[in-house]
Structure formats: structure tokens, C-alpha cells
């Protein structure tokens, strides 16, 4: 089904199709659908109505062993790692095509599993399209991965080649299950690695289909495996496994730190982690277009219900434009988002991923009140939507950077406004955080823009925009926002290694 055909679907159409979905929850190991060896299962819940969508195998250490063994066997055989580059690229291109052909099915799975509005997931620039683009982009790199010959003594010939690591464990988060899985899997495959993907237990539904599509595209069995389960049951054994060569993880800072511990406790496997943020959007008095700044600020925190690692949740506003900014922000935010059924094309904000996440966000709202912040917008569960994990777009003013709501990642639709007098003070406030994933700067002064971009501790800095990117943009942060980068050419370096070959020509 094309994007145009999908756009023509109604709420009733989406519900009818969702009801007919055949949800495949089994794990995918060595090209076969399998249940957990233990027979244990867990439930995945629709956050819009608290109904059970399906039961999913609870993978354990024995299942991890099988998945890793399958990946290792495939890697050693060379069936993928030594496949001719253009043939490998053709599989990646075909996989991208198949993802788009299954746009509706994947979109429905994402929507019912994590509460994303289906119309956004299946849009031309939505999650499904982004996943397809990722596989195309990295497919294009396959025959561009080159070594070098160095200048050495006449008696020697020295060259450096880049080779795959082996088995890559990709641990994906629940906020963008399909898209971030693609960010991790695609570069690993492009270099020639085998993969074991573990989706979050809150969002297990799209991973198996993605692996099946890889095989349908011509990918060899065993190269792309999927293991289901919780972090404790499957994630930890995967991270500790002696036959895993690299962990690529996106999730909480606490668990990201554990990934590094597990590496040290096992085989010193390489680790890259992306572990969230508390990103500032800085609106200076030199802002060229305040209306545009407000628009980006609103979308920067409320897109995807605020369940975004780079959410611009700290709004740093210079005092002489503060009142105007807050008034405009409240007006735009209160009229932009329609909360409701994710399968309704009119919905622009769905429920949070789980009731537990809803409880967490609402508890932060209570904390903000107790800390003395002023509730300027939202602050509760919308009337009539008590049956799901919904939270209104929320804004607090009267906040200082020592309050918990200004320092801790809420991961929900909650923004705080922090005033500043000078740009130097703004940079100081922005950097007073354990995180450093992203930041936004609004100014018409080019010198101010360059200086602030230089001085802010963040891996991604936007000037006079926010959350704008393409596949050339490295994705990752400073400090406790993580290590390494996703989504860009640099990612290829983290899933490969160099080998130096020195040949004595006089022997």
C-alpha cells in the first residue's frame, strides 16, 4: 500500500485492519520462528486501552546462547561477511523496499504497541520511511568501505584493511522501536557483521517482522536474529555473552552504565550507548522570528509525547522576551495537539508507552508543584481518556536549574521554563547537567550562534531550528548522554576494526 493510499484511510479502516493483524511474536533464530526454551511468556499491552495485544516469548540465557551461536556460525561461514559487496547492497535495497511495502502492517504494530499515532508512523517522513531510508543509506556505503596503502620503506609493503567485528548485539528502545532498530542493525550488516536484535519488552512487535523481511530480501539465515525478553532475562545475558563482539544500546543512563560493566565482566566487548538527555532550547532576545522559535519549542518537547531522548525539555528564555514567549507557547501548545485514539488519523498525540510511564510522568508533575514551580499548562490526564496512559502537554514556569524537573529526564510531555539574563548565563545553565545530547539556539546574531554552539556541551546543536536532521548527522551526545554515534558514516567505524598487514619484500 502506498503512502497516498494510507493517507486515505479512516479511523474505522485502521481499526478494522488492526483487528485482522496476525501478530507474530515468536523469536527469530537461524531463520526460524521459535518460542522460548523455558516456555515462559509475557504480555504486551496496548497503552491506549490497557488491553493485551499478544503474549510474547520470554527469552532467557539458553535462547540467547542459540541466537548468538546462530549469528557466530553465519559470520564464520562467510555467507554474509564475505558476500560480494554489490550483492550485499542489493539485499539491503530490497529490504528497504519490503519495509515500505509493509508500511501499513509495521505502522499498525508500532501504533498499538507503543501508542504512536498511526498516521504519523506511516507518513512519508514517518518511522517506517525512516527505517527504509536507513537501510538504503547504509546499503549505499557497502562498496565504499576502503582500506589504505601507506608510504613505507622500499623493503616493505604496508596496507590497512577494515573488517567486521563479528557478532553485534543491538538493544533497541521502546520510543522508536523500528527506526532505532534500523539505526543499529543497518550499519552492522553493511560492514558484514551478524546481528542479534533485542527489542525492549514494552515494544516487541515489529522486530521479528523486520528480521523476516531481511531473509525475504535475500539475506542468509542466521545473519539477523531476534531475541525477545526483559532486560534481566535476555538483555543482561546478551551483554555478558563471551561470543558477542559489540553492544549497541539505546536506553536509560543506569542500564547504559551496566552495559559497560558487563563488557568488563566478560570479554571486553566494544560498547556504544545512547542514554538520553535533558536538552535545552535557548531563546535569546536577538531571536529573529519568535513565532518560529515557539513553534519549534512546542514540537521539540511534545513530539512523540515527549518520549524522545533529545526532547527540548528545558526552555531557557532571555528575560526581556520571557512573558511573550510563554504566552505564545501556551496558546500554540494548547491548540496544536489532539490527544486520543492512536488509530484515529485526527490524533496527533497518543498515550505514553505504559501505565508505569504515565505514573512516572504524573509523579514528576507532583514533584514540580511541591518544589514551587508554577503550572502554566496541562498537568494531568485528559478528561475522557482515563482508559489509557495519557498525559496532557504540560508546562511549568518559575523553575530554577536546581529543581528535579530541571535536572532529571522525565521522558514525557513536560517542559520547564528557565529565565536567563545573558548568553553566558544561558550557556552555564545549559551545561549544568549530567547530560549533553542536544541543544537549540535561537538568535539572529551569527557571532552569538557560533560562540554558543562552540561552548555548549552537546553532541547535536541546532541553530534557529530544532530536531531537524538527515542521515549525514551523527547522533549521540556528551557526558552521560552516552558514547559513540548512530545513524551516520561514523557508525561504520564502531562496528568494524582495522587490521594492519606489513609485508617484508626482501624476504
Protein backbone atom coordinates (compact mmCIF):
# COMPACT_ATOMS: atom_id res chain seq x y z
CA UNK A 1 0.00 0.00 0.00
CA UNK A 2 1.39 3.39 -0.99
CA UNK A 3 1.69 6.39 1.32
CA UNK A 4 -1.08 8.09 -0.66
CA UNK A 5 -3.42 5.13 -0.19
CA UNK A 6 -2.63 5.01 3.52
CA UNK A 7 -3.46 8.73 3.87
CA UNK A 8 -6.94 8.00 2.57
CA UNK A 9 -7.72 5.52 5.35
CA UNK A 10 -10.20 6.41 8.10
CA UNK A 11 -10.26 5.61 11.79
CA UNK A 12 -12.65 2.75 11.07
CA UNK A 13 -10.30 1.42 8.37
CA UNK A 14 -7.33 1.40 10.74
CA UNK A 15 -9.32 -0.32 13.49
CA UNK A 16 -10.62 -2.94 11.09
CA UNK A 17 -7.12 -3.65 9.80
CA UNK A 18 -5.63 -3.71 13.29
CA UNK A 19 -8.25 -6.26 14.35
CA UNK A 20 -7.22 -8.52 11.45
CA UNK A 21 -3.49 -8.23 12.12
CA UNK A 22 -1.73 -11.54 12.58
CA UNK A 23 0.78 -10.53 15.21
CA UNK A 24 3.91 -12.69 15.09
CA UNK A 25 5.59 -12.62 18.48
CA UNK A 26 7.96 -15.56 18.26
CA UNK A 27 11.69 -15.02 18.25
CA UNK A 28 13.67 -15.38 15.02
CA UNK A 29 16.79 -17.52 15.31
CA UNK A 30 18.73 -19.05 12.42
CA UNK A 31 15.97 -18.12 10.01
CA UNK A 32 13.26 -19.89 12.02
CA UNK A 33 10.43 -18.72 14.28
CA UNK A 34 10.90 -20.17 17.76
CA UNK A 35 9.44 -19.90 21.24
CA UNK A 36 11.47 -19.57 24.42
CA UNK A 37 13.08 -22.80 25.59
CA UNK A 38 11.54 -22.29 29.03
CA UNK A 39 8.05 -21.88 27.60
CA UNK A 40 7.67 -18.68 29.60
CA UNK A 41 5.84 -15.69 28.13
CA UNK A 42 4.99 -12.09 28.93
CA UNK A 43 2.15 -9.84 27.78
CA UNK A 44 2.45 -6.73 25.66
CA UNK A 45 -0.28 -4.20 26.41
CA UNK A 46 -1.97 -1.60 24.21
CA UNK A 47 -1.40 1.67 26.13
CA UNK A 48 -4.46 3.28 24.57
CA UNK A 49 -6.92 0.90 26.23
CA UNK A 50 -4.97 -1.39 28.61
CA UNK A 51 -5.90 -4.45 26.54
CA UNK A 52 -3.50 -7.34 25.97
CA UNK A 53 -2.28 -7.35 22.37
CA UNK A 54 -0.40 -10.63 22.49
CA UNK A 55 1.78 -12.91 24.57
CA UNK A 56 5.48 -12.88 23.74
CA UNK A 57 8.21 -15.46 24.45
CA UNK A 58 10.29 -14.56 27.50
CA UNK A 59 13.73 -15.30 26.17
CA UNK A 60 16.37 -16.44 28.64
CA UNK A 61 20.08 -17.31 28.67
CA UNK A 62 19.57 -20.54 26.73
CA UNK A 63 17.75 -18.65 23.97
CA UNK A 64 20.49 -16.01 23.91
CA UNK A 65 23.03 -18.81 23.50
CA UNK A 66 21.13 -20.14 20.48
CA UNK A 67 20.80 -16.72 18.86
CA UNK A 68 24.45 -15.84 19.37
CA UNK A 69 25.58 -19.28 18.15
CA UNK A 70 23.48 -18.80 15.01
CA UNK A 71 24.99 -15.38 14.40
CA UNK A 72 28.54 -16.64 15.02
CA UNK A 73 28.10 -19.63 12.72
CA UNK A 74 26.76 -17.42 9.93
CA UNK A 75 29.61 -14.96 10.39
CA UNK A 76 32.32 -17.62 10.28
CA UNK A 77 30.82 -19.24 7.20
CA UNK A 78 31.25 -16.00 5.25
CA UNK A 79 27.77 -16.36 3.78
CA UNK A 80 27.19 -12.65 4.51
CA UNK A 81 30.52 -11.29 5.76
CA UNK A 82 32.27 -12.28 2.52
CA UNK A 83 29.38 -11.83 0.15
CA UNK A 84 30.23 -9.73 -2.92
CA UNK A 85 29.57 -6.09 -1.96
CA UNK A 86 27.05 -5.29 -4.68
CA UNK A 87 25.10 -8.45 -3.92
CA UNK A 88 25.01 -7.46 -0.27
CA UNK A 89 23.87 -3.96 -1.20
CA UNK A 90 21.08 -5.43 -3.32
CA UNK A 91 19.74 -7.25 -0.25
CA UNK A 92 19.76 -4.01 1.74
CA UNK A 93 17.93 -2.16 -1.05
CA UNK A 94 15.37 -4.95 -1.36
CA UNK A 95 14.87 -4.92 2.42
CA UNK A 96 14.18 -1.17 2.27
CA UNK A 97 11.61 -1.80 -0.47
CA UNK A 98 9.94 -4.53 1.59
CA UNK A 99 9.75 -2.27 4.64
CA UNK A 100 7.87 0.28 2.54
CA UNK A 101 5.65 -2.44 1.05
CA UNK A 102 4.76 -3.46 4.62
CA UNK A 103 4.27 0.17 5.65
CA UNK A 104 0.74 -0.35 6.93
CA UNK A 105 1.46 -3.54 8.86
CA UNK A 106 4.56 -2.09 10.52
CA UNK A 107 2.74 1.16 11.25
CA UNK A 108 -0.14 -0.64 12.92
CA UNK A 109 2.24 -2.74 15.01
CA UNK A 110 4.08 0.36 16.23
CA UNK A 111 0.84 2.21 16.92
CA UNK A 112 -0.90 -0.43 19.02
CA UNK A 113 2.30 -1.41 20.80
CA UNK A 114 3.58 1.98 21.99
CA UNK A 115 0.74 4.46 21.36
CA UNK A 116 2.15 6.29 18.36
CA UNK A 117 -0.46 7.97 16.12
CA UNK A 118 -0.60 5.64 13.14
CA UNK A 119 -0.92 8.47 10.65
CA UNK A 120 2.48 9.80 11.75
CA UNK A 121 4.21 6.42 11.73
CA UNK A 122 3.15 5.65 8.15
CA UNK A 123 3.63 9.19 6.80
CA UNK A 124 6.15 9.83 4.03
CA UNK A 125 8.65 11.09 6.62
CA UNK A 126 7.47 8.83 9.46
CA UNK A 127 9.11 5.99 11.35
CA UNK A 128 8.59 3.34 8.66
CA UNK A 129 10.01 5.55 5.92
CA UNK A 130 12.96 6.45 8.16
CA UNK A 131 13.73 2.77 8.74
CA UNK A 132 13.66 2.09 4.99
CA UNK A 133 15.90 5.10 4.33
CA UNK A 134 18.40 3.84 6.90
CA UNK A 135 18.84 0.50 5.15
CA UNK A 136 19.17 2.24 1.77
CA UNK A 137 21.73 4.69 3.11
CA UNK A 138 23.95 2.04 4.62
CA UNK A 139 23.42 -0.20 1.61
CA UNK A 140 25.00 2.57 -0.45
CA UNK A 141 28.11 2.50 1.76
CA UNK A 142 28.94 -1.18 1.33
CA UNK A 143 31.33 -0.88 -1.61
CA UNK A 144 32.70 2.44 -0.31
CA UNK A 145 34.38 0.89 2.74
CA UNK A 146 38.02 1.08 1.72
CA UNK A 147 41.44 0.39 3.18
CA UNK A 148 44.69 2.29 2.55
CA UNK A 149 48.26 1.64 1.50
CA UNK A 150 50.79 3.63 3.50
CA UNK A 151 54.16 5.07 2.46
CA UNK A 152 56.85 2.88 3.97
CA UNK A 153 60.42 1.79 3.34
CA UNK A 154 61.20 0.28 -0.07
CA UNK A 155 61.73 -3.08 1.59
CA UNK A 156 58.13 -3.27 2.82
CA UNK A 157 54.56 -3.15 1.62
CA UNK A 158 52.07 -2.00 4.27
CA UNK A 159 48.31 -1.83 3.93
CA UNK A 160 45.42 -1.35 6.36
CA UNK A 161 42.07 -3.03 5.83
CA UNK A 162 38.77 -2.61 7.64
CA UNK A 163 36.95 -5.76 8.71
CA UNK A 164 33.69 -6.55 10.56
CA UNK A 165 33.81 -7.26 14.27
CA UNK A 166 31.70 -10.43 14.19
CA UNK A 167 28.50 -10.62 16.24
CA UNK A 168 26.79 -7.33 17.14
CA UNK A 169 24.12 -7.22 19.85
CA UNK A 170 21.66 -4.43 19.12
CA UNK A 171 19.46 -3.42 22.06
CA UNK A 172 16.72 -1.04 20.91
CA UNK A 173 14.47 1.24 23.00
CA UNK A 174 10.69 1.44 23.11
CA UNK A 175 10.19 5.05 21.99
CA UNK A 176 11.19 4.45 18.34
CA UNK A 177 11.25 0.64 18.14
CA UNK A 178 11.54 0.19 14.39
CA UNK A 179 13.55 3.28 13.46
CA UNK A 180 16.27 2.96 16.10
CA UNK A 181 16.50 -0.79 15.49
CA UNK A 182 17.27 0.13 11.87
CA UNK A 183 19.88 2.67 13.01
CA UNK A 184 21.69 -0.14 14.83
CA UNK A 185 21.16 -3.12 12.55
CA UNK A 186 21.79 -1.47 9.16
CA UNK A 187 25.41 -0.30 9.70
CA UNK A 188 26.29 -3.58 11.42
CA UNK A 189 25.04 -5.53 8.41
CA UNK A 190 26.63 -3.16 5.91
CA UNK A 191 30.11 -3.89 7.25
CA UNK A 192 29.45 -7.65 7.20
CA UNK A 193 28.60 -8.46 10.81
CA UNK A 194 25.90 -10.80 12.03
CA UNK A 195 23.28 -9.35 14.38
CA UNK A 196 21.21 -10.28 17.42
CA UNK A 197 18.48 -7.69 17.96
CA UNK A 198 16.72 -7.42 21.31
CA UNK A 199 13.79 -5.01 21.29
CA UNK A 200 12.51 -3.51 24.54
CA UNK A 201 9.96 -5.68 26.30
CA UNK A 202 7.48 -2.79 26.04
CA UNK A 203 7.73 -2.79 22.22
CA UNK A 204 8.42 -6.29 20.89
CA UNK A 205 6.10 -6.47 17.90
CA UNK A 206 7.98 -5.05 14.89
CA UNK A 207 11.38 -6.70 15.40
CA UNK A 208 10.52 -10.21 14.23
CA UNK A 209 8.85 -8.92 11.08
CA UNK A 210 11.94 -6.83 10.28
CA UNK A 211 14.18 -9.91 10.54
CA UNK A 212 11.78 -11.94 8.41
CA UNK A 213 11.86 -9.26 5.73
CA UNK A 214 15.67 -9.42 5.72
CA UNK A 215 15.51 -13.11 4.81
CA UNK A 216 12.76 -12.46 2.25
CA UNK A 217 15.05 -9.83 0.71
CA UNK A 218 17.71 -12.49 0.17
CA UNK A 219 19.61 -12.23 3.44
CA UNK A 220 21.07 -15.54 4.61
CA UNK A 221 19.50 -17.30 7.60
CA UNK A 222 21.38 -16.79 10.85
CA UNK A 223 22.72 -13.35 9.96
CA UNK A 224 19.83 -11.42 11.54
CA UNK A 225 18.37 -12.90 14.74
CA UNK A 226 15.79 -11.55 17.18
CA UNK A 227 15.61 -12.41 20.85
CA UNK A 228 12.64 -11.28 22.98
CA UNK A 229 12.53 -10.78 26.72
CA UNK A 230 13.21 -8.37 29.55
CA UNK A 231 16.46 -6.63 30.27
CA UNK A 232 17.19 -9.06 33.09
CA UNK A 233 16.13 -12.23 31.29
CA UNK A 234 17.70 -11.57 27.86
CA UNK A 235 19.49 -8.22 27.77
CA UNK A 236 21.96 -8.99 30.56
CA UNK A 237 22.90 -12.47 29.25
CA UNK A 238 23.39 -10.94 25.80
CA UNK A 239 25.66 -8.22 27.15
CA UNK A 240 27.67 -10.74 29.17
CA UNK A 241 27.99 -13.26 26.34
CA UNK A 242 31.56 -14.21 25.50
CA UNK A 243 30.74 -14.62 21.79
CA UNK A 244 29.26 -11.13 21.36
CA UNK A 245 31.82 -8.67 20.00
CA UNK A 246 29.92 -5.41 20.36
CA UNK A 247 26.91 -4.00 22.21
CA UNK A 248 24.97 -1.13 20.64
CA UNK A 249 22.48 0.11 23.23
CA UNK A 250 19.92 2.89 23.47
CA UNK A 251 18.05 3.32 26.75
CA UNK A 252 18.41 4.65 30.26
CA UNK A 253 21.64 6.01 31.69
CA UNK A 254 21.53 3.47 34.51
CA UNK A 255 21.36 0.50 32.16
CA UNK A 256 23.86 2.08 29.77
CA UNK A 257 26.40 2.13 32.59
CA UNK A 258 25.66 -1.53 33.28
CA UNK A 259 26.46 -2.37 29.66
CA UNK A 260 29.99 -1.12 30.23
CA UNK A 261 30.24 -3.12 33.46
CA UNK A 262 29.07 -6.26 31.65
CA UNK A 263 31.69 -5.70 28.97
CA UNK A 264 34.40 -5.59 31.63
CA UNK A 265 33.00 -8.67 33.34
CA UNK A 266 33.03 -10.68 30.12
CA UNK A 267 35.25 -10.30 27.06
CA UNK A 268 35.86 -6.54 26.84
CA UNK A 269 33.35 -6.35 24.02
CA UNK A 270 33.03 -2.91 22.49
CA UNK A 271 30.17 -0.80 23.75
CA UNK A 272 28.35 2.22 22.43
CA UNK A 273 25.42 3.65 24.35
CA UNK A 274 22.95 6.46 23.84
CA UNK A 275 21.39 7.22 27.18
CA UNK A 276 19.09 10.18 26.96
CA UNK A 277 19.23 13.84 27.75
CA UNK A 278 17.79 16.98 29.26
CA UNK A 279 18.21 19.16 26.23
CA UNK A 280 18.00 22.97 26.40
CA UNK A 281 16.36 25.21 23.84
CA UNK A 282 17.83 28.67 24.30
CA UNK A 283 15.74 31.62 23.08
CA UNK A 284 17.74 34.84 23.16
CA UNK A 285 16.41 38.37 22.88
CA UNK A 286 18.09 38.50 19.45
CA UNK A 287 15.78 35.82 18.11
CA UNK A 288 14.89 36.74 14.54
CA UNK A 289 11.46 35.10 14.46
CA UNK A 290 9.89 34.47 17.86
CA UNK A 291 6.87 32.75 16.32
CA UNK A 292 9.16 30.22 14.63
CA UNK A 293 11.07 29.69 17.87
CA UNK A 294 7.84 28.99 19.71
CA UNK A 295 6.72 26.55 17.02
CA UNK A 296 9.96 24.58 17.22
CA UNK A 297 9.95 24.74 21.02
CA UNK A 298 6.46 23.25 21.17
CA UNK A 299 7.24 20.44 18.74
CA UNK A 300 10.66 19.95 20.34
CA UNK A 301 9.13 18.82 23.62
CA UNK A 302 5.74 17.40 22.65
CA UNK A 303 6.64 15.40 19.52
CA UNK A 304 6.19 11.68 20.19
CA UNK A 305 4.58 12.59 23.55
CA UNK A 306 7.92 13.85 24.83
CA UNK A 307 9.24 10.28 24.75
CA UNK A 308 12.31 11.44 22.88
CA UNK A 309 15.92 11.35 24.09
CA UNK A 310 16.59 14.75 22.56
CA UNK A 311 13.33 16.36 23.71
CA UNK A 312 13.89 20.08 24.24
CA UNK A 313 12.50 19.91 27.75
CA UNK A 314 14.46 22.86 29.21
CA UNK A 315 13.30 26.15 27.69
CA UNK A 316 15.90 28.76 28.52
CA UNK A 317 14.41 32.17 27.68
CA UNK A 318 16.05 35.58 27.99
CA UNK A 319 14.13 37.72 30.46
CA UNK A 320 13.12 40.53 28.10
CA UNK A 321 11.21 38.12 25.81
CA UNK A 322 10.11 35.71 28.55
CA UNK A 323 6.48 36.77 29.01
CA UNK A 324 5.81 37.00 25.27
CA UNK A 325 7.39 33.59 24.68
CA UNK A 326 5.39 31.87 27.44
CA UNK A 327 2.09 33.38 26.26
CA UNK A 328 2.73 32.28 22.68
CA UNK A 329 3.91 28.83 23.78
CA UNK A 330 0.80 28.17 25.86
CA UNK A 331 -1.51 29.31 23.09
CA UNK A 332 0.16 27.22 20.40
CA UNK A 333 0.62 24.09 22.53
CA UNK A 334 -3.00 24.11 23.68
CA UNK A 335 -4.30 24.27 20.10
CA UNK A 336 -1.77 22.09 18.25
CA UNK A 337 -2.23 18.66 19.79
CA UNK A 338 -5.26 16.43 19.66
CA UNK A 339 -4.99 13.64 22.21
CA UNK A 340 -6.87 10.45 21.54
CA UNK A 341 -7.03 7.08 19.85
CA UNK A 342 -3.73 6.39 18.04
CA UNK A 343 -5.63 4.65 15.24
CA UNK A 344 -7.61 7.81 14.52
CA UNK A 345 -5.88 9.88 11.77
CA UNK A 346 -7.05 13.03 13.59
CA UNK A 347 -4.98 12.16 16.66
CA UNK A 348 -1.65 13.95 16.95
CA UNK A 349 -0.69 12.77 20.46
CA UNK A 350 -1.30 9.27 21.74
CA UNK A 351 -0.82 7.68 25.14
CA UNK A 352 2.53 7.16 26.82
CA UNK A 353 4.05 3.73 26.31
CA UNK A 354 2.78 2.15 29.54
CA UNK A 355 0.75 2.92 32.64
CA UNK A 356 4.04 2.79 34.54
CA UNK A 357 5.46 5.57 32.36
CA UNK A 358 2.29 7.59 32.82
CA UNK A 359 2.61 7.19 36.60
CA UNK A 360 6.24 8.31 36.42
CA UNK A 361 5.43 11.48 34.45
CA UNK A 362 2.49 12.37 36.70
CA UNK A 363 4.75 11.91 39.72
CA UNK A 364 7.19 14.46 38.25
CA UNK A 365 4.30 16.89 37.87
CA UNK A 366 3.54 16.44 41.59
CA UNK A 367 7.23 16.95 42.37
CA UNK A 368 7.26 20.18 40.36
CA UNK A 369 4.32 21.53 42.34
CA UNK A 370 5.97 20.63 45.63
CA UNK A 371 9.21 22.30 44.52
CA UNK A 372 7.33 25.54 44.00
CA UNK A 373 7.12 25.65 40.23
CA UNK A 374 4.05 27.25 38.62
CA UNK A 375 1.84 25.09 36.46
CA UNK A 376 1.18 27.09 33.29
CA UNK A 377 -0.33 24.40 31.07
CA UNK A 378 -1.78 20.89 31.35
CA UNK A 379 -0.69 18.87 34.34
CA UNK A 380 -2.98 15.87 34.28
CA UNK A 381 -4.83 13.17 32.39
CA UNK A 382 -7.23 14.49 29.73
CA UNK A 383 -10.91 14.12 30.53
CA UNK A 384 -12.46 11.15 28.77
CA UNK A 385 -9.11 9.40 28.21
CA UNK A 386 -8.72 7.78 31.62
CA UNK A 387 -8.78 4.35 29.98
CA UNK A 388 -5.29 4.82 28.55
CA UNK A 389 -1.84 6.04 29.60
CA UNK A 390 -2.43 9.65 28.57
CA UNK A 391 -0.80 12.83 29.93
CA UNK A 392 -1.59 16.35 28.71
CA UNK A 393 1.09 18.61 27.25
CA UNK A 394 2.41 20.27 30.39
CA UNK A 395 4.45 23.42 31.06
CA UNK A 396 5.94 24.78 34.27
CA UNK A 397 7.29 28.29 34.82
CA UNK A 398 9.03 29.69 37.88
CA UNK A 399 11.65 26.97 37.62
CA UNK A 400 15.31 27.10 38.59
CA UNK A 401 18.01 24.68 37.49
CA UNK A 402 18.29 23.05 40.93
CA UNK A 403 14.78 21.62 40.79
CA UNK A 404 14.42 17.93 39.91
CA UNK A 405 12.17 18.72 36.94
CA UNK A 406 15.00 20.82 35.50
CA UNK A 407 17.67 18.18 36.05
CA UNK A 408 16.12 14.73 35.60
CA UNK A 409 14.91 13.22 32.34
CA UNK A 410 11.13 12.94 32.60
CA UNK A 411 10.58 11.29 29.20
CA UNK A 412 7.11 12.67 28.77
CA UNK A 413 5.29 15.82 27.60
CA UNK A 414 6.64 18.10 30.33
CA UNK A 415 8.62 21.28 29.66
CA UNK A 416 10.10 23.78 32.09
CA UNK A 417 10.95 27.44 31.52
CA UNK A 418 14.18 28.81 32.98
CA UNK A 419 14.91 32.55 32.60
CA UNK A 420 18.38 33.96 31.93
CA UNK A 421 19.82 37.47 31.58
CA UNK A 422 22.97 36.98 29.47
CA UNK A 423 24.03 34.42 26.90
CA UNK A 424 26.97 33.49 29.13
CA UNK A 425 24.49 32.65 31.89
CA UNK A 426 22.43 30.63 29.40
CA UNK A 427 25.44 28.51 28.45
CA UNK A 428 26.24 27.99 32.12
CA UNK A 429 22.70 26.80 32.85
CA UNK A 430 22.63 24.62 29.73
CA UNK A 431 25.88 22.90 30.72
CA UNK A 432 24.85 22.43 34.35
CA UNK A 433 23.57 18.93 33.63
CA UNK A 434 24.86 15.36 33.62
CA UNK A 435 23.51 15.11 30.08
CA UNK A 436 24.72 16.52 26.78
CA UNK A 437 22.75 15.04 23.90
CA UNK A 438 21.26 18.03 22.08
CA UNK A 439 20.62 21.77 22.29
CA UNK A 440 18.88 24.51 20.35
CA UNK A 441 19.93 28.16 19.96
CA UNK A 442 17.71 30.95 18.70
CA UNK A 443 19.49 34.14 17.67
CA UNK A 444 19.93 36.34 14.61
CA UNK A 445 23.47 37.24 15.70
CA UNK A 446 25.88 34.96 13.85
CA UNK A 447 28.70 35.56 16.33
CA UNK A 448 26.45 34.62 19.24
CA UNK A 449 25.32 31.49 17.40
CA UNK A 450 28.87 30.29 16.75
CA UNK A 451 30.11 31.05 20.25
CA UNK A 452 27.19 29.33 21.97
CA UNK A 453 27.36 26.32 19.64
CA UNK A 454 31.06 26.02 20.46
CA UNK A 455 30.60 26.33 24.21
CA UNK A 456 27.53 24.18 24.82
CA UNK A 457 28.27 20.60 25.86
CA UNK A 458 26.10 18.66 23.42
CA UNK A 459 26.65 16.22 20.60
CA UNK A 460 23.98 17.86 18.43
CA UNK A 461 23.36 21.62 18.28
CA UNK A 462 20.63 23.22 16.19
CA UNK A 463 20.60 26.94 15.40
CA UNK A 464 17.26 28.60 14.56
CA UNK A 465 15.58 25.20 14.26
CA UNK A 466 15.21 22.05 16.34
CA UNK A 467 15.12 18.31 15.72
CA UNK A 468 16.00 18.67 12.04
CA UNK A 469 18.34 16.10 10.52
CA UNK A 470 19.21 13.68 7.74
CA UNK A 471 21.37 10.58 7.54
CA UNK A 472 24.61 12.59 7.46
CA UNK A 473 24.07 13.84 11.02
CA UNK A 474 25.96 11.94 13.74
CA UNK A 475 23.53 11.05 16.53
CA UNK A 476 24.94 10.89 20.04
CA UNK A 477 25.94 13.02 22.97
CA UNK A 478 28.47 14.20 25.50
CA UNK A 479 28.83 13.29 29.18
CA UNK A 480 26.21 10.84 30.49
CA UNK A 481 24.20 11.03 27.28
CA UNK A 482 26.44 8.25 26.04
CA UNK A 483 29.34 7.22 23.87
CA UNK A 484 29.61 6.66 20.14
CA UNK A 485 27.31 7.76 17.35
CA UNK A 486 24.33 6.31 15.47
CA UNK A 487 22.84 6.99 12.04
CA UNK A 488 25.87 8.34 10.16
CA UNK A 489 29.02 7.21 8.36
CA UNK A 490 30.93 7.36 11.65
CA UNK A 491 28.76 4.46 12.86
CA UNK A 492 30.56 2.17 10.41
CA UNK A 493 33.78 2.71 12.35
CA UNK A 494 32.19 1.48 15.58
CA UNK A 495 31.04 -1.84 14.08
CA UNK A 496 34.32 -2.62 12.34
CA UNK A 497 38.02 -2.80 13.11
CA UNK A 498 41.25 -2.13 11.26
CA UNK A 499 43.93 -4.70 10.50
CA UNK A 500 47.47 -3.70 9.64
CA UNK A 501 49.31 -6.01 7.23
CA UNK A 502 53.09 -5.47 6.89
CA UNK A 503 54.91 -7.47 4.20
CA UNK A 504 58.67 -7.75 4.05
CA UNK A 505 59.56 -7.54 0.35
CA UNK A 506 63.21 -8.55 0.86
CA UNK A 507 62.49 -11.98 2.24
